[in-house]
Amino acid sequence: MRMFIIFTLGFTIAFSWRETIFDLSEAFVKLVTKTTNPNAASIEASVFITVICALLIFLTARWLRDRPPIHRH
């Protein structure tokens, strides 16, 4: 039950920040690429968010991977 509550609250937090993060990313992409087409800006913002998140997943997975214990003699 505790995990369900944590998952639900985490999902609620993520959902509430979704639009904010997307809007900020879209504004950044528009600034960098000078895109005026709203559809292109939306796609570019989604790609930008995907690349950033994939990089964070990769770095987190590397940081949290199991490491062999250090043997001291």
N, C-alpha and C. Protein backbone atom coordinates (compact mmCIF):
# COMPACT_ATOMS: atom_id res chain seq x y z
N MET A 1 0.82 -1.19 0.00
CA MET A 1 0.00 0.00 0.00
C MET A 1 0.87 1.27 0.00
N ARG A 2 1.97 1.21 0.74
CA ARG A 2 2.87 2.36 0.82
C ARG A 2 3.47 2.66 -0.55
N MET A 3 3.90 1.63 -1.28
CA MET A 3 4.47 1.83 -2.62
C MET A 3 3.43 2.41 -3.57
N PHE A 4 2.18 1.98 -3.45
CA PHE A 4 1.11 2.51 -4.30
C PHE A 4 0.92 4.00 -4.04
N ILE A 5 0.92 4.39 -2.77
CA ILE A 5 0.75 5.80 -2.42
C ILE A 5 1.93 6.62 -2.95
N ILE A 6 3.14 6.11 -2.77
CA ILE A 6 4.33 6.81 -3.26
C ILE A 6 4.29 6.94 -4.78
N PHE A 7 3.92 5.86 -5.47
CA PHE A 7 3.83 5.89 -6.92
C PHE A 7 2.78 6.90 -7.38
N THR A 8 1.63 6.90 -6.72
CA THR A 8 0.55 7.81 -7.09
C THR A 8 0.96 9.26 -6.89
N LEU A 9 1.57 9.56 -5.76
CA LEU A 9 2.02 10.93 -5.51
C LEU A 9 3.13 11.35 -6.48
N GLY A 10 4.05 10.44 -6.76
CA GLY A 10 5.11 10.73 -7.72
C GLY A 10 4.56 10.99 -9.11
N PHE A 11 3.58 10.18 -9.52
CA PHE A 11 2.95 10.39 -10.82
C PHE A 11 2.23 11.73 -10.87
N THR A 12 1.56 12.09 -9.79
CA THR A 12 0.85 13.37 -9.73
C THR A 12 1.82 14.53 -9.85
N ILE A 13 2.94 14.45 -9.16
CA ILE A 13 3.96 15.50 -9.25
C ILE A 13 4.50 15.60 -10.67
N ALA A 14 4.85 14.45 -11.26
CA ALA A 14 5.38 14.44 -12.63
C ALA A 14 4.36 15.00 -13.62
N PHE A 15 3.12 14.63 -13.47
CA PHE A 15 2.08 15.10 -14.38
C PHE A 15 1.89 16.61 -14.25
N SER A 16 1.98 17.12 -13.04
CA SER A 16 1.78 18.56 -12.85
C SER A 16 2.94 19.37 -13.44
N TRP A 17 4.13 18.82 -13.47
CA TRP A 17 5.29 19.51 -14.03
C TRP A 17 5.44 19.30 -15.53
N ARG A 18 4.71 18.35 -16.11
CA ARG A 18 4.86 17.99 -17.51
C ARG A 18 4.72 19.19 -18.44
N GLU A 19 3.65 19.93 -18.28
CA GLU A 19 3.41 21.06 -19.18
C GLU A 19 4.44 22.17 -19.00
N THR A 20 4.83 22.41 -17.76
CA THR A 20 5.83 23.45 -17.48
C THR A 20 7.16 23.10 -18.15
N ILE A 21 7.60 21.87 -17.96
CA ILE A 21 8.87 21.44 -18.56
C ILE A 21 8.78 21.50 -20.09
N PHE A 22 7.66 21.06 -20.64
CA PHE A 22 7.50 21.11 -22.09
C PHE A 22 7.52 22.54 -22.60
N ASP A 23 6.81 23.44 -21.94
CA ASP A 23 6.76 24.84 -22.37
C ASP A 23 8.15 25.49 -22.31
N LEU A 24 8.88 25.22 -21.23
CA LEU A 24 10.24 25.76 -21.12
C LEU A 24 11.15 25.19 -22.21
N SER A 25 11.03 23.91 -22.46
CA SER A 25 11.84 23.28 -23.50
C SER A 25 11.49 23.84 -24.87
N GLU A 26 10.21 24.03 -25.11
CA GLU A 26 9.78 24.57 -26.40
C GLU A 26 10.30 25.99 -26.59
N ALA A 27 10.25 26.80 -25.55
CA ALA A 27 10.77 28.17 -25.64
C ALA A 27 12.28 28.15 -25.90
N PHE A 28 12.99 27.25 -25.25
CA PHE A 28 14.44 27.12 -25.47
C PHE A 28 14.74 26.70 -26.90
N VAL A 29 14.00 25.71 -27.40
CA VAL A 29 14.20 25.23 -28.77
C VAL A 29 13.90 26.35 -29.77
N LYS A 30 12.83 27.09 -29.54
CA LYS A 30 12.50 28.20 -30.44
C LYS A 30 13.60 29.25 -30.43
N LEU A 31 14.16 29.52 -29.27
CA LEU A 31 15.23 30.50 -29.15
C LEU A 31 16.48 30.05 -29.89
N VAL A 32 16.82 28.78 -29.75
CA VAL A 32 18.04 28.25 -30.35
C VAL A 32 17.90 28.06 -31.86
N THR A 33 16.77 27.50 -32.29
CA THR A 33 16.60 27.15 -33.71
C THR A 33 15.89 28.22 -34.52
N LYS A 34 15.33 29.24 -33.87
CA LYS A 34 14.58 30.30 -34.54
C LYS A 34 13.39 29.74 -35.33
N THR A 35 12.82 28.65 -34.84
CA THR A 35 11.67 28.02 -35.48
C THR A 35 10.42 28.86 -35.26
N THR A 36 9.65 29.08 -36.34
CA THR A 36 8.40 29.82 -36.21
C THR A 36 7.19 28.91 -36.36
N ASN A 37 7.38 27.73 -36.91
CA ASN A 37 6.30 26.77 -37.09
C ASN A 37 6.01 26.11 -35.74
N PRO A 38 4.80 26.26 -35.19
CA PRO A 38 4.51 25.69 -33.87
C PRO A 38 4.57 24.16 -33.85
N ASN A 39 4.21 23.50 -34.95
CA ASN A 39 4.28 22.04 -34.99
C ASN A 39 5.73 21.57 -34.97
N ALA A 40 6.59 22.23 -35.72
CA ALA A 40 8.01 21.87 -35.73
C ALA A 40 8.63 22.13 -34.36
N ALA A 41 8.26 23.23 -33.73
CA ALA A 41 8.79 23.55 -32.41
C ALA A 41 8.36 22.50 -31.38
N SER A 42 7.13 22.04 -31.49
CA SER A 42 6.64 21.02 -30.58
C SER A 42 7.41 19.71 -30.75
N ILE A 43 7.64 19.31 -31.99
CA ILE A 43 8.39 18.09 -32.26
C ILE A 43 9.83 18.23 -31.79
N GLU A 44 10.44 19.37 -32.08
CA GLU A 44 11.82 19.60 -31.66
C GLU A 44 11.94 19.62 -30.13
N ALA A 45 10.96 20.20 -29.45
CA ALA A 45 10.98 20.21 -27.98
C ALA A 45 10.85 18.79 -27.44
N SER A 46 10.01 17.97 -28.05
CA SER A 46 9.87 16.58 -27.62
C SER A 46 11.17 15.80 -27.82
N VAL A 47 11.81 16.03 -28.95
CA VAL A 47 13.10 15.37 -29.21
C VAL A 47 14.14 15.84 -28.20
N PHE A 48 14.17 17.13 -27.92
CA PHE A 48 15.11 17.68 -26.94
C PHE A 48 14.90 17.04 -25.56
N ILE A 49 13.65 16.96 -25.12
CA ILE A 49 13.35 16.35 -23.82
C ILE A 49 13.74 14.87 -23.82
N THR A 50 13.49 14.17 -24.92
CA THR A 50 13.83 12.75 -25.01
C THR A 50 15.34 12.55 -24.90
N VAL A 51 16.11 13.38 -25.60
CA VAL A 51 17.57 13.25 -25.55
C VAL A 51 18.09 13.53 -24.15
N ILE A 52 17.61 14.58 -23.53
CA ILE A 52 18.04 14.92 -22.17
C ILE A 52 17.69 13.79 -21.19
N CYS A 53 16.47 13.27 -21.28
CA CYS A 53 16.04 12.21 -20.37
C CYS A 53 16.81 10.91 -20.63
N ALA A 54 17.06 10.58 -21.89
CA ALA A 54 17.84 9.38 -22.20
C ALA A 54 19.25 9.51 -21.63
N LEU A 55 19.83 10.69 -21.74
CA LEU A 55 21.16 10.92 -21.17
C LEU A 55 21.12 10.78 -19.65
N LEU A 56 20.09 11.32 -19.01
CA LEU A 56 19.97 11.18 -17.55
C LEU A 56 19.76 9.72 -17.14
N ILE A 57 18.99 8.96 -17.92
CA ILE A 57 18.80 7.54 -17.63
C ILE A 57 20.13 6.80 -17.74
N PHE A 58 20.88 7.09 -18.79
CA PHE A 58 22.17 6.44 -18.99
C PHE A 58 23.13 6.77 -17.85
N LEU A 59 23.22 8.04 -17.49
CA LEU A 59 24.13 8.43 -16.41
C LEU A 59 23.70 7.85 -15.07
N THR A 60 22.42 7.83 -14.80
CA THR A 60 21.91 7.25 -13.55
C THR A 60 22.17 5.76 -13.49
N ALA A 61 21.95 5.07 -14.61
CA ALA A 61 22.20 3.63 -14.65
C ALA A 61 23.67 3.33 -14.41
N ARG A 62 24.55 4.13 -14.98
CA ARG A 62 25.99 3.94 -14.74
C ARG A 62 26.35 4.19 -13.28
N TRP A 63 25.77 5.23 -12.72
CA TRP A 63 26.09 5.60 -11.35
C TRP A 63 25.56 4.58 -10.35
N LEU A 64 24.40 3.99 -10.64
CA LEU A 64 23.77 3.06 -9.70
C LEU A 64 24.09 1.59 -9.97
N ARG A 65 24.87 1.29 -10.98
CA ARG A 65 25.14 -0.11 -11.30
C ARG A 65 25.92 -0.78 -10.17
N ASP A 66 25.77 -2.08 -10.11
CA ASP A 66 26.47 -2.84 -9.09
C ASP A 66 27.96 -2.84 -9.39
N ARG A 67 28.72 -2.59 -8.38
CA ARG A 67 30.17 -2.59 -8.53
C ARG A 67 30.73 -3.72 -7.69
N PRO A 68 31.75 -4.38 -8.21
CA PRO A 68 32.34 -5.45 -7.41
C PRO A 68 32.98 -4.86 -6.14
N PRO A 69 32.93 -5.62 -5.05
CA PRO A 69 33.52 -5.11 -3.82
C PRO A 69 35.05 -4.96 -3.97
N ILE A 70 35.58 -4.00 -3.27
CA ILE A 70 37.03 -3.77 -3.30
C ILE A 70 37.67 -4.73 -2.30
N HIS A 71 38.60 -5.53 -2.78
CA HIS A 71 39.31 -6.48 -1.91
C HIS A 71 40.59 -5.84 -1.42
N ARG A 72 40.72 -5.78 -0.12
CA ARG A 72 41.93 -5.20 0.47
C ARG A 72 42.74 -6.31 1.10
N HIS A 73 44.00 -6.26 0.87
CA HIS A 73 44.89 -7.29 1.43
C HIS A 73 45.63 -6.77 2.60
